[in-house]
N, C-alpha and C. Protein backbone atom coordinates (compact mmCIF):
# COMPACT_ATOMS: atom_id res chain seq x y z
N UNK A 1 0.75 -1.20 -0.06
CA UNK A 1 -0.01 -0.01 0.00
C UNK A 1 0.73 1.30 0.01
N UNK A 2 0.56 2.10 -0.84
CA UNK A 2 1.46 3.34 -0.98
C UNK A 2 0.92 4.37 -0.21
N UNK A 3 1.78 5.19 0.48
CA UNK A 3 1.16 6.40 1.30
C UNK A 3 1.35 7.58 0.48
N UNK A 4 0.39 8.43 0.83
CA UNK A 4 0.26 9.66 -0.13
C UNK A 4 1.50 10.69 0.60
N UNK A 5 1.72 11.76 -0.03
CA UNK A 5 2.69 12.63 0.54
C UNK A 5 2.40 13.35 1.74
N UNK A 6 1.06 13.66 1.87
CA UNK A 6 0.30 14.15 3.17
C UNK A 6 0.59 13.23 4.35
N UNK A 7 0.27 11.90 4.13
CA UNK A 7 0.30 10.90 5.07
C UNK A 7 1.91 10.68 5.30
N UNK A 8 2.76 10.85 4.42
CA UNK A 8 4.11 10.68 4.72
C UNK A 8 4.58 11.82 5.60
N UNK A 9 4.24 13.03 5.22
CA UNK A 9 4.74 14.13 6.05
C UNK A 9 4.23 13.96 7.45
N UNK A 10 3.01 13.48 7.80
CA UNK A 10 2.31 13.41 9.08
C UNK A 10 3.08 12.33 9.70
N UNK A 11 3.45 11.33 8.89
CA UNK A 11 4.14 10.13 9.68
C UNK A 11 5.54 10.70 10.22
N UNK A 12 6.19 11.44 9.39
CA UNK A 12 7.57 11.80 9.59
C UNK A 12 7.42 12.75 10.82
N UNK A 13 6.23 13.56 10.86
CA UNK A 13 6.13 14.44 11.96
C UNK A 13 5.99 13.96 13.22
N UNK A 14 5.08 12.76 13.29
CA UNK A 14 4.98 11.85 14.43
C UNK A 14 6.33 11.32 14.87
N UNK A 15 6.88 10.77 13.93
CA UNK A 15 8.12 10.01 14.18
C UNK A 15 9.31 11.02 14.84
N UNK A 16 9.31 12.29 14.31
CA UNK A 16 10.21 13.29 14.63
C UNK A 16 9.73 13.85 16.03
N UNK A 17 8.42 13.88 16.46
CA UNK A 17 8.03 14.36 17.61
C UNK A 17 8.29 13.19 18.68
N UNK A 18 8.21 12.02 18.11
CA UNK A 18 8.44 10.80 19.20
C UNK A 18 9.73 10.85 19.43
N UNK A 19 10.67 11.13 18.61
CA UNK A 19 12.19 11.08 19.03
C UNK A 19 12.63 12.30 19.67
N UNK A 20 11.77 13.25 20.03
CA UNK A 20 12.12 14.46 20.99
C UNK A 20 12.57 15.55 20.19
N UNK A 21 12.56 15.60 19.01
CA UNK A 21 12.86 16.76 18.42
C UNK A 21 11.67 17.79 18.09
N UNK A 22 11.77 19.03 18.17
CA UNK A 22 10.61 20.04 18.05
C UNK A 22 10.84 20.64 16.68
N UNK A 23 9.71 20.61 16.03
CA UNK A 23 9.64 21.54 14.77
C UNK A 23 9.03 22.69 14.87
N UNK A 24 9.67 23.75 14.57
CA UNK A 24 9.13 25.07 14.69
C UNK A 24 9.17 25.76 13.27
N UNK A 25 7.78 26.14 12.95
CA UNK A 25 7.76 26.89 11.69
C UNK A 25 7.75 28.18 11.84
N UNK A 26 8.77 28.87 11.30
CA UNK A 26 8.77 30.47 11.42
C UNK A 26 8.02 31.00 10.22
N UNK A 27 6.87 31.46 10.49
CA UNK A 27 6.22 32.00 9.33
C UNK A 27 5.58 33.38 9.79
N UNK A 28 4.66 33.80 9.04
CA UNK A 28 4.05 35.12 9.22
C UNK A 28 3.35 35.36 10.75
N UNK A 29 2.71 34.24 10.98
CA UNK A 29 1.84 34.29 12.35
C UNK A 29 2.83 34.41 13.54
N UNK A 30 3.89 33.72 13.44
CA UNK A 30 4.94 33.90 14.44
C UNK A 30 5.33 35.33 14.58
N UNK A 31 5.83 35.98 13.58
CA UNK A 31 6.18 37.35 13.63
C UNK A 31 5.08 38.33 13.90
N UNK A 32 3.87 37.98 13.62
CA UNK A 32 2.74 38.68 14.03
C UNK A 32 2.48 38.67 15.68
N UNK A 33 2.71 37.56 16.09
CA UNK A 33 2.66 37.31 17.64
C UNK A 33 3.67 38.10 18.39
N UNK A 34 4.81 38.04 17.66
CA UNK A 34 5.90 38.90 18.40
C UNK A 34 5.64 40.29 18.38
N UNK A 35 5.25 40.68 17.11
CA UNK A 35 4.99 42.23 16.97
C UNK A 35 3.70 42.70 17.94
N UNK A 36 2.57 41.82 18.05
CA UNK A 36 1.60 41.98 19.08
C UNK A 36 2.07 42.05 20.46
N UNK A 37 2.98 41.03 20.84
CA UNK A 37 3.56 41.19 22.17
C UNK A 37 4.34 42.31 22.45
N UNK A 38 4.96 42.94 21.54
CA UNK A 38 5.91 44.09 21.75
C UNK A 38 4.93 45.29 21.94
N UNK A 39 3.86 45.36 20.99
CA UNK A 39 2.98 46.39 21.11
C UNK A 39 2.25 46.52 22.36
N UNK A 40 1.88 45.24 22.76
CA UNK A 40 0.95 45.10 23.88
C UNK A 40 1.94 45.50 25.19
N UNK A 41 3.24 45.15 25.10
CA UNK A 41 4.11 45.60 26.24
C UNK A 41 4.47 47.06 26.18
N UNK A 42 4.45 47.64 25.10
CA UNK A 42 4.84 49.04 25.17
C UNK A 42 3.39 49.86 25.59
N UNK A 43 2.33 49.18 25.30
CA UNK A 43 1.02 49.92 25.83
C UNK A 43 0.83 49.70 27.26
N UNK A 44 1.03 48.52 27.72
CA UNK A 44 0.81 48.11 29.08
C UNK A 44 1.76 48.59 30.00
N UNK A 45 3.13 48.78 29.51
CA UNK A 45 4.27 49.20 30.57
C UNK A 45 3.76 50.63 31.26
N UNK A 46 3.53 51.60 30.56
CA UNK A 46 3.26 52.80 31.31
C UNK A 46 1.71 52.71 31.97
N UNK A 47 0.92 52.02 31.48
CA UNK A 47 -0.41 52.00 32.00
C UNK A 47 -0.56 51.01 32.99
N UNK A 48 -0.02 49.94 33.26
CA UNK A 48 -0.22 48.90 34.03
C UNK A 48 1.25 48.55 34.96
N UNK A 49 2.20 48.21 34.13
CA UNK A 49 3.40 47.75 34.84
C UNK A 49 4.15 48.87 35.73
N UNK A 50 4.33 50.01 35.16
CA UNK A 50 5.07 50.98 35.83
C UNK A 50 4.21 51.39 37.26
N UNK A 51 2.99 51.60 37.08
CA UNK A 51 1.97 51.96 38.48
C UNK A 51 2.13 50.83 39.38
N UNK A 52 2.15 49.54 38.80
CA UNK A 52 2.15 48.43 39.80
C UNK A 52 3.43 48.54 40.53
N UNK A 53 4.60 48.60 39.65
CA UNK A 53 5.87 48.67 40.32
C UNK A 53 5.89 49.72 41.28
N UNK A 54 5.52 50.93 41.04
CA UNK A 54 5.50 52.10 41.93
C UNK A 54 4.77 51.72 43.16
N UNK A 55 3.61 51.02 43.02
CA UNK A 55 2.65 50.77 44.22
C UNK A 55 3.56 49.75 44.93
N UNK A 56 4.10 48.67 44.33
CA UNK A 56 4.97 47.65 45.20
C UNK A 56 6.09 48.26 45.90
N UNK A 57 6.87 49.43 45.03
CA UNK A 57 7.81 50.07 45.89
C UNK A 57 7.35 50.70 46.96
N UNK A 58 6.21 51.54 46.82
CA UNK A 58 5.84 52.46 47.95
C UNK A 58 5.20 51.45 49.15
N UNK A 59 4.66 50.31 48.78
CA UNK A 59 4.21 49.43 49.75
C UNK A 59 5.47 48.96 50.57
N UNK A 60 6.46 48.64 49.93
CA UNK A 60 7.62 48.16 50.63
C UNK A 60 8.42 49.28 51.30
N UNK A 61 8.36 50.52 50.83
CA UNK A 61 8.83 51.68 51.75
C UNK A 61 8.05 51.84 52.74
N UNK A 62 6.82 51.84 52.65
CA UNK A 62 5.95 52.09 53.78
C UNK A 62 6.13 50.76 54.90
N UNK A 63 6.23 49.74 54.37
CA UNK A 63 6.30 48.58 55.26
C UNK A 63 7.63 48.63 56.03
N UNK A 64 8.82 48.88 55.23
CA UNK A 64 10.01 48.96 55.79
C UNK A 64 10.15 50.29 56.53
N UNK A 65 9.48 51.30 56.42
CA UNK A 65 9.45 52.42 57.37
C UNK A 65 8.69 52.02 58.62
N UNK A 66 7.67 51.31 58.45
CA UNK A 66 6.98 51.04 59.63
C UNK A 66 7.68 50.14 60.42
N UNK A 67 8.53 49.28 59.88
CA UNK A 67 9.48 48.19 60.55
C UNK A 67 10.43 49.03 61.26
N UNK A 68 11.01 50.07 60.45
CA UNK A 68 12.00 50.98 61.05
C UNK A 68 11.59 51.65 62.33
N UNK A 69 10.14 52.05 62.22
CA UNK A 69 9.65 52.92 63.40
C UNK A 69 9.28 51.91 64.37
N UNK A 70 8.88 50.62 64.23
CA UNK A 70 8.64 49.70 65.26
C UNK A 70 10.11 49.52 65.97
N UNK A 71 11.14 49.20 65.12
CA UNK A 71 12.48 48.85 65.74
C UNK A 71 12.77 50.11 66.77
N UNK A 72 12.47 51.31 66.25
CA UNK A 72 12.67 52.52 66.99
C UNK A 72 11.96 52.64 68.15
N UNK A 73 10.72 52.27 68.26
CA UNK A 73 9.84 52.36 69.30
C UNK A 73 10.30 51.26 70.20
N UNK A 74 10.82 50.03 69.87
CA UNK A 74 11.13 49.16 70.77
C UNK A 74 12.53 49.41 71.51
N UNK A 75 13.41 50.15 70.60
CA UNK A 75 14.62 50.51 71.20
C UNK A 75 14.28 51.67 72.17
N UNK A 76 13.36 52.47 72.09
CA UNK A 76 13.05 53.60 72.98
C UNK A 76 12.35 53.01 74.27
N UNK A 77 11.67 52.01 73.91
CA UNK A 77 10.79 51.30 75.05
C UNK A 77 11.91 50.58 76.00
N UNK A 78 12.92 50.11 75.30
CA UNK A 78 13.86 49.28 76.11
C UNK A 78 14.57 50.28 76.75
N UNK A 79 15.12 51.35 76.15
CA UNK A 79 15.89 52.47 77.05
C UNK A 79 14.96 52.92 78.15
N UNK A 80 13.68 53.23 77.96
CA UNK A 80 12.92 53.69 78.95
C UNK A 80 12.79 52.72 80.18
N UNK A 81 12.66 51.42 79.87
CA UNK A 81 12.51 50.40 80.65
C UNK A 81 13.90 50.31 81.56
N UNK A 82 15.01 50.47 81.04
CA UNK A 82 16.37 50.37 81.55
C UNK A 82 16.24 51.73 82.52
N UNK A 83 15.93 52.81 82.24
CA UNK A 83 15.87 53.95 82.98
C UNK A 83 15.01 53.73 84.26
N UNK A 84 13.70 53.26 83.81
CA UNK A 84 12.84 52.84 84.93
C UNK A 84 13.45 51.98 86.00
N UNK A 85 14.08 50.78 85.52
CA UNK A 85 14.65 49.90 86.26
C UNK A 85 15.76 50.67 87.23
N UNK A 86 16.57 51.49 86.56
CA UNK A 86 17.60 52.17 87.35
C UNK A 86 16.87 52.94 88.43
N UNK A 87 15.90 53.63 88.15
CA UNK A 87 15.33 54.61 89.11
C UNK A 87 14.58 53.70 90.17
N UNK A 88 14.10 52.64 90.11
CA UNK A 88 13.35 51.66 90.93
C UNK A 88 14.52 51.22 91.85
N UNK A 89 15.64 50.88 91.14
CA UNK A 89 16.81 50.48 91.99
C UNK A 89 17.27 51.59 92.92
N UNK A 90 17.28 52.75 92.49
CA UNK A 90 17.89 53.84 93.43
C UNK A 90 16.93 54.19 94.36
N UNK A 91 15.52 54.04 94.12
CA UNK A 91 14.43 54.26 95.05
C UNK A 91 14.50 53.19 96.20
N UNK A 92 14.68 51.95 95.65
CA UNK A 92 14.69 50.76 96.65
C UNK A 92 15.90 51.08 97.44
N UNK A 93 17.10 51.44 96.99
CA UNK A 93 18.36 51.56 97.82
C UNK A 93 17.97 52.74 98.82
N UNK A 94 17.49 53.96 98.42
CA UNK A 94 17.13 54.93 99.40
C UNK A 94 16.18 54.50 100.39
N UNK A 95 15.08 53.76 100.01
CA UNK A 95 14.14 53.25 101.03
C UNK A 95 14.77 52.27 102.03
N UNK A 96 15.72 51.51 101.55
CA UNK A 96 16.33 50.60 102.45
C UNK A 96 17.35 51.53 103.44
N UNK A 97 17.98 52.45 102.81
CA UNK A 97 18.77 53.37 103.82
C UNK A 97 17.90 53.86 104.78
N UNK A 98 16.85 54.60 104.21
CA UNK A 98 15.76 55.14 105.32
C UNK A 98 15.44 54.26 106.25
N UNK A 99 14.92 53.13 105.94
CA UNK A 99 14.49 51.90 106.71
C UNK A 99 15.57 51.67 107.85
N UNK A 100 16.78 51.44 107.50
CA UNK A 100 17.90 51.24 108.23
C UNK A 100 18.09 52.37 109.31
N UNK A 101 18.02 53.55 108.64
CA UNK A 101 18.19 54.87 109.55
C UNK A 101 17.07 54.82 110.71
N UNK A 102 15.86 54.60 110.31
CA UNK A 102 14.73 54.68 111.17
C UNK A 102 14.85 53.71 112.32
N UNK A 103 15.19 52.32 111.76
CA UNK A 103 15.55 51.26 112.74
C UNK A 103 16.61 51.70 113.70
N UNK A 104 17.55 52.22 113.30
CA UNK A 104 18.77 52.63 114.33
C UNK A 104 18.15 53.71 115.23
N UNK A 105 17.36 54.61 114.69
CA UNK A 105 16.80 55.76 115.70
C UNK A 105 15.98 54.98 116.60
N UNK A 106 15.10 53.98 116.27
CA UNK A 106 14.24 53.29 117.14
C UNK A 106 15.05 52.48 118.02
N UNK A 107 16.20 51.95 117.77
CA UNK A 107 16.90 51.19 118.72
C UNK A 107 17.57 52.12 119.62
N UNK A 108 18.09 53.38 119.40
CA UNK A 108 18.54 54.28 120.21
C UNK A 108 17.55 54.76 121.30
N UNK A 109 16.45 55.13 120.55
CA UNK A 109 15.28 55.55 121.59
C UNK A 109 14.88 54.36 122.51
N UNK A 110 14.91 53.36 121.98
CA UNK A 110 14.68 52.10 122.78
C UNK A 110 15.67 52.05 124.00
N UNK A 111 17.05 52.04 123.60
CA UNK A 111 17.99 51.82 124.61
C UNK A 111 17.89 53.08 125.60
N UNK A 112 17.60 54.43 125.11
CA UNK A 112 17.56 55.43 126.01
C UNK A 112 16.45 55.16 126.97
N UNK A 113 15.25 54.72 126.39
CA UNK A 113 14.00 54.55 127.34
C UNK A 113 14.45 53.34 128.34
N UNK A 114 15.06 52.26 127.80
CA UNK A 114 15.37 51.08 128.73
C UNK A 114 16.37 51.67 129.88
N UNK A 115 17.23 52.51 129.43
CA UNK A 115 18.29 53.07 130.30
C UNK A 115 17.58 53.97 131.49
N UNK A 116 16.60 54.81 131.03
CA UNK A 116 16.00 55.62 131.92
C UNK A 116 15.09 54.85 132.90
N UNK A 117 14.54 53.64 132.31
CA UNK A 117 13.59 52.94 133.13
C UNK A 117 14.50 52.15 134.15
N UNK A 118 15.65 51.61 133.80
CA UNK A 118 16.44 51.01 134.64
C UNK A 118 16.86 51.95 135.68
N UNK A 119 17.34 53.21 135.32
CA UNK A 119 17.68 54.04 136.43
C UNK A 119 16.60 54.36 137.30
N UNK A 120 15.46 54.51 136.97
CA UNK A 120 14.38 54.76 137.77
C UNK A 120 13.96 53.50 138.60
N UNK A 121 14.02 52.38 138.08
CA UNK A 121 13.86 51.16 138.88
C UNK A 121 15.16 50.99 139.94
N UNK A 122 16.12 51.34 139.66
CA UNK A 122 17.37 51.18 140.54
C UNK A 122 17.03 52.07 141.61
N UNK A 123 16.77 53.32 141.22
CA UNK A 123 16.36 54.43 142.30
C UNK A 123 15.18 53.75 143.15
N UNK A 124 14.26 53.54 142.48
CA UNK A 124 13.00 52.95 143.38
C UNK A 124 13.47 51.81 144.41
N UNK A 125 14.23 50.87 143.80
CA UNK A 125 14.82 49.78 144.56
C UNK A 125 15.58 50.24 145.72
N UNK A 126 16.49 51.16 145.58
CA UNK A 126 17.42 51.64 146.26
C UNK A 126 16.52 52.25 147.44
N UNK A 127 15.60 52.99 147.09
CA UNK A 127 14.80 53.89 148.07
C UNK A 127 13.96 52.74 148.85
N UNK A 128 13.43 51.89 148.26
CA UNK A 128 12.53 50.77 148.77
C UNK A 128 13.52 49.84 150.00
N UNK A 129 14.70 49.61 149.46
CA UNK A 129 15.59 48.89 150.46
C UNK A 129 16.04 49.75 151.61
N UNK A 130 16.20 51.16 151.18
CA UNK A 130 16.60 52.04 152.40
C UNK A 130 15.42 52.18 153.15
N UNK A 131 14.10 52.27 152.87
CA UNK A 131 13.09 52.40 153.71
C UNK A 131 12.90 50.97 154.39
N UNK A 132 13.04 49.89 153.79
CA UNK A 132 12.88 48.70 154.53
C UNK A 132 13.93 48.51 155.68
N UNK A 133 15.25 48.85 155.28
CA UNK A 133 16.16 49.03 156.27
C UNK A 133 15.90 49.89 157.49
N UNK A 134 15.41 51.07 157.21
CA UNK A 134 14.96 51.91 158.47
C UNK A 134 13.74 51.24 159.32
N UNK A 135 13.02 50.75 158.39
CA UNK A 135 11.85 50.01 159.10
C UNK A 135 12.39 48.93 159.97
N UNK A 136 13.32 48.15 159.47
CA UNK A 136 13.79 47.13 160.23
C UNK A 136 14.59 47.53 161.35
N UNK A 137 15.29 48.43 161.24
CA UNK A 137 16.08 49.14 162.43
C UNK A 137 15.09 49.59 163.57
N UNK A 138 14.01 50.39 163.02
CA UNK A 138 13.06 50.72 164.00
C UNK A 138 12.33 49.69 164.64
N UNK A 139 12.01 48.59 163.76
CA UNK A 139 11.39 47.58 164.46
C UNK A 139 12.32 46.59 165.19
N UNK A 140 13.65 46.68 164.91
CA UNK A 140 14.53 46.04 165.80
C UNK A 140 14.64 46.78 167.31
N UNK A 141 14.81 48.04 167.06
CA UNK A 141 14.93 48.83 168.51
C UNK A 141 13.67 48.63 169.30
N UNK A 142 12.44 48.88 168.55
CA UNK A 142 11.29 48.69 169.24
C UNK A 142 10.97 47.24 169.80
N UNK A 143 11.38 46.26 169.03
CA UNK A 143 11.29 44.90 169.39
C UNK A 143 12.20 44.64 170.60
N UNK A 144 13.33 45.15 170.59
CA UNK A 144 14.33 44.84 171.67
C UNK A 144 13.78 45.62 172.79
N UNK A 145 13.15 46.75 172.82
CA UNK A 145 12.58 47.49 173.95
C UNK A 145 11.42 46.58 174.54
N UNK A 146 10.67 46.21 173.58
CA UNK A 146 9.42 45.51 174.11
C UNK A 146 9.66 44.06 174.44
N UNK A 147 10.86 43.41 173.86
CA UNK A 147 11.03 42.04 174.32
C UNK A 147 11.31 41.74 175.59
N UNK A 148 12.05 42.44 176.29
CA UNK A 148 12.05 42.23 177.69
C UNK A 148 10.73 42.33 178.63
N UNK A 149 10.08 43.18 178.33
CA UNK A 149 9.00 43.30 178.97
C UNK A 149 7.94 42.25 178.66
N UNK A 150 7.96 41.87 177.44
CA UNK A 150 7.13 40.71 176.93
C UNK A 150 7.60 39.39 177.48
N UNK A 151 8.69 39.28 177.64
CA UNK A 151 9.40 38.08 178.08
C UNK A 151 9.10 37.99 179.67
N UNK A 152 9.00 39.02 180.20
CA UNK A 152 8.70 38.95 181.84
C UNK A 152 7.09 38.79 181.85
N UNK A 153 6.24 39.37 181.09
CA UNK A 153 4.92 39.07 181.11
C UNK A 153 4.52 37.55 180.87
N UNK A 154 5.34 37.02 179.75
CA UNK A 154 4.99 35.47 179.56
C UNK A 154 5.50 34.67 180.59
N UNK A 155 6.67 35.01 181.23
CA UNK A 155 7.20 34.19 182.21
C UNK A 155 6.24 34.32 183.40
N UNK A 156 5.75 35.51 183.83
CA UNK A 156 4.72 35.62 184.89
C UNK A 156 3.56 34.77 184.59
N UNK A 157 3.02 34.73 183.49
CA UNK A 157 1.80 34.10 183.28
C UNK A 157 2.13 32.56 183.43
N UNK A 158 3.32 32.11 182.88
CA UNK A 158 3.60 30.62 183.03
C UNK A 158 3.76 30.41 184.50
N UNK A 159 4.61 31.28 185.08
CA UNK A 159 4.81 30.93 186.48
C UNK A 159 3.61 31.27 187.41
N UNK A 160 2.89 32.07 187.02
CA UNK A 160 1.90 32.45 187.82
C UNK A 160 2.13 33.44 188.91
N UNK A 161 3.26 34.12 188.77
CA UNK A 161 3.84 35.11 189.67
C UNK A 161 4.44 36.16 188.97
N UNK A 162 4.81 37.15 189.64
CA UNK A 162 5.63 38.23 189.09
C UNK A 162 7.08 37.96 188.92
N UNK A 163 7.73 38.16 187.88
CA UNK A 163 9.18 38.12 187.72
C UNK A 163 9.88 39.28 187.82
N UNK A 164 10.98 39.25 188.61
CA UNK A 164 11.82 40.47 189.07
C UNK A 164 12.96 40.61 187.75
N UNK A 165 13.04 41.79 187.43
CA UNK A 165 14.27 42.08 186.40
C UNK A 165 15.61 41.77 186.80
């Protein structure tokens, strides 16, 4: 069976495409497509591509600016936090010093009050001892004076008669 030239060309094309080769026909339609592409690119570039690129650049600039602003705000916040913590440390130190000073004043006052009370109690104790000593002496003299007379009265009662001194 004999193949026609069209069938032979189609068969050769199938065999050529099956072997991995690509057949490109450079004709008027290909040139027309390239011309249309270039014209479309020339028309769309100022109308679509340039504004889109400017929009992307502006967005990137603003986003980058916002990121820079955020970094600056974080840096400022960190700096302010460090100052705050330093001030808190200073205030805590001053408060601790003031507390220690007040505690020392309180201890001094306590010592002064205790010393005063000790002095007063020592004075009261010494006065009480002196008074007791005086009373003891007076009772001793009174007792020695009355002891002989009492002894006579007791002896007289026991003996039933008067005892001579």
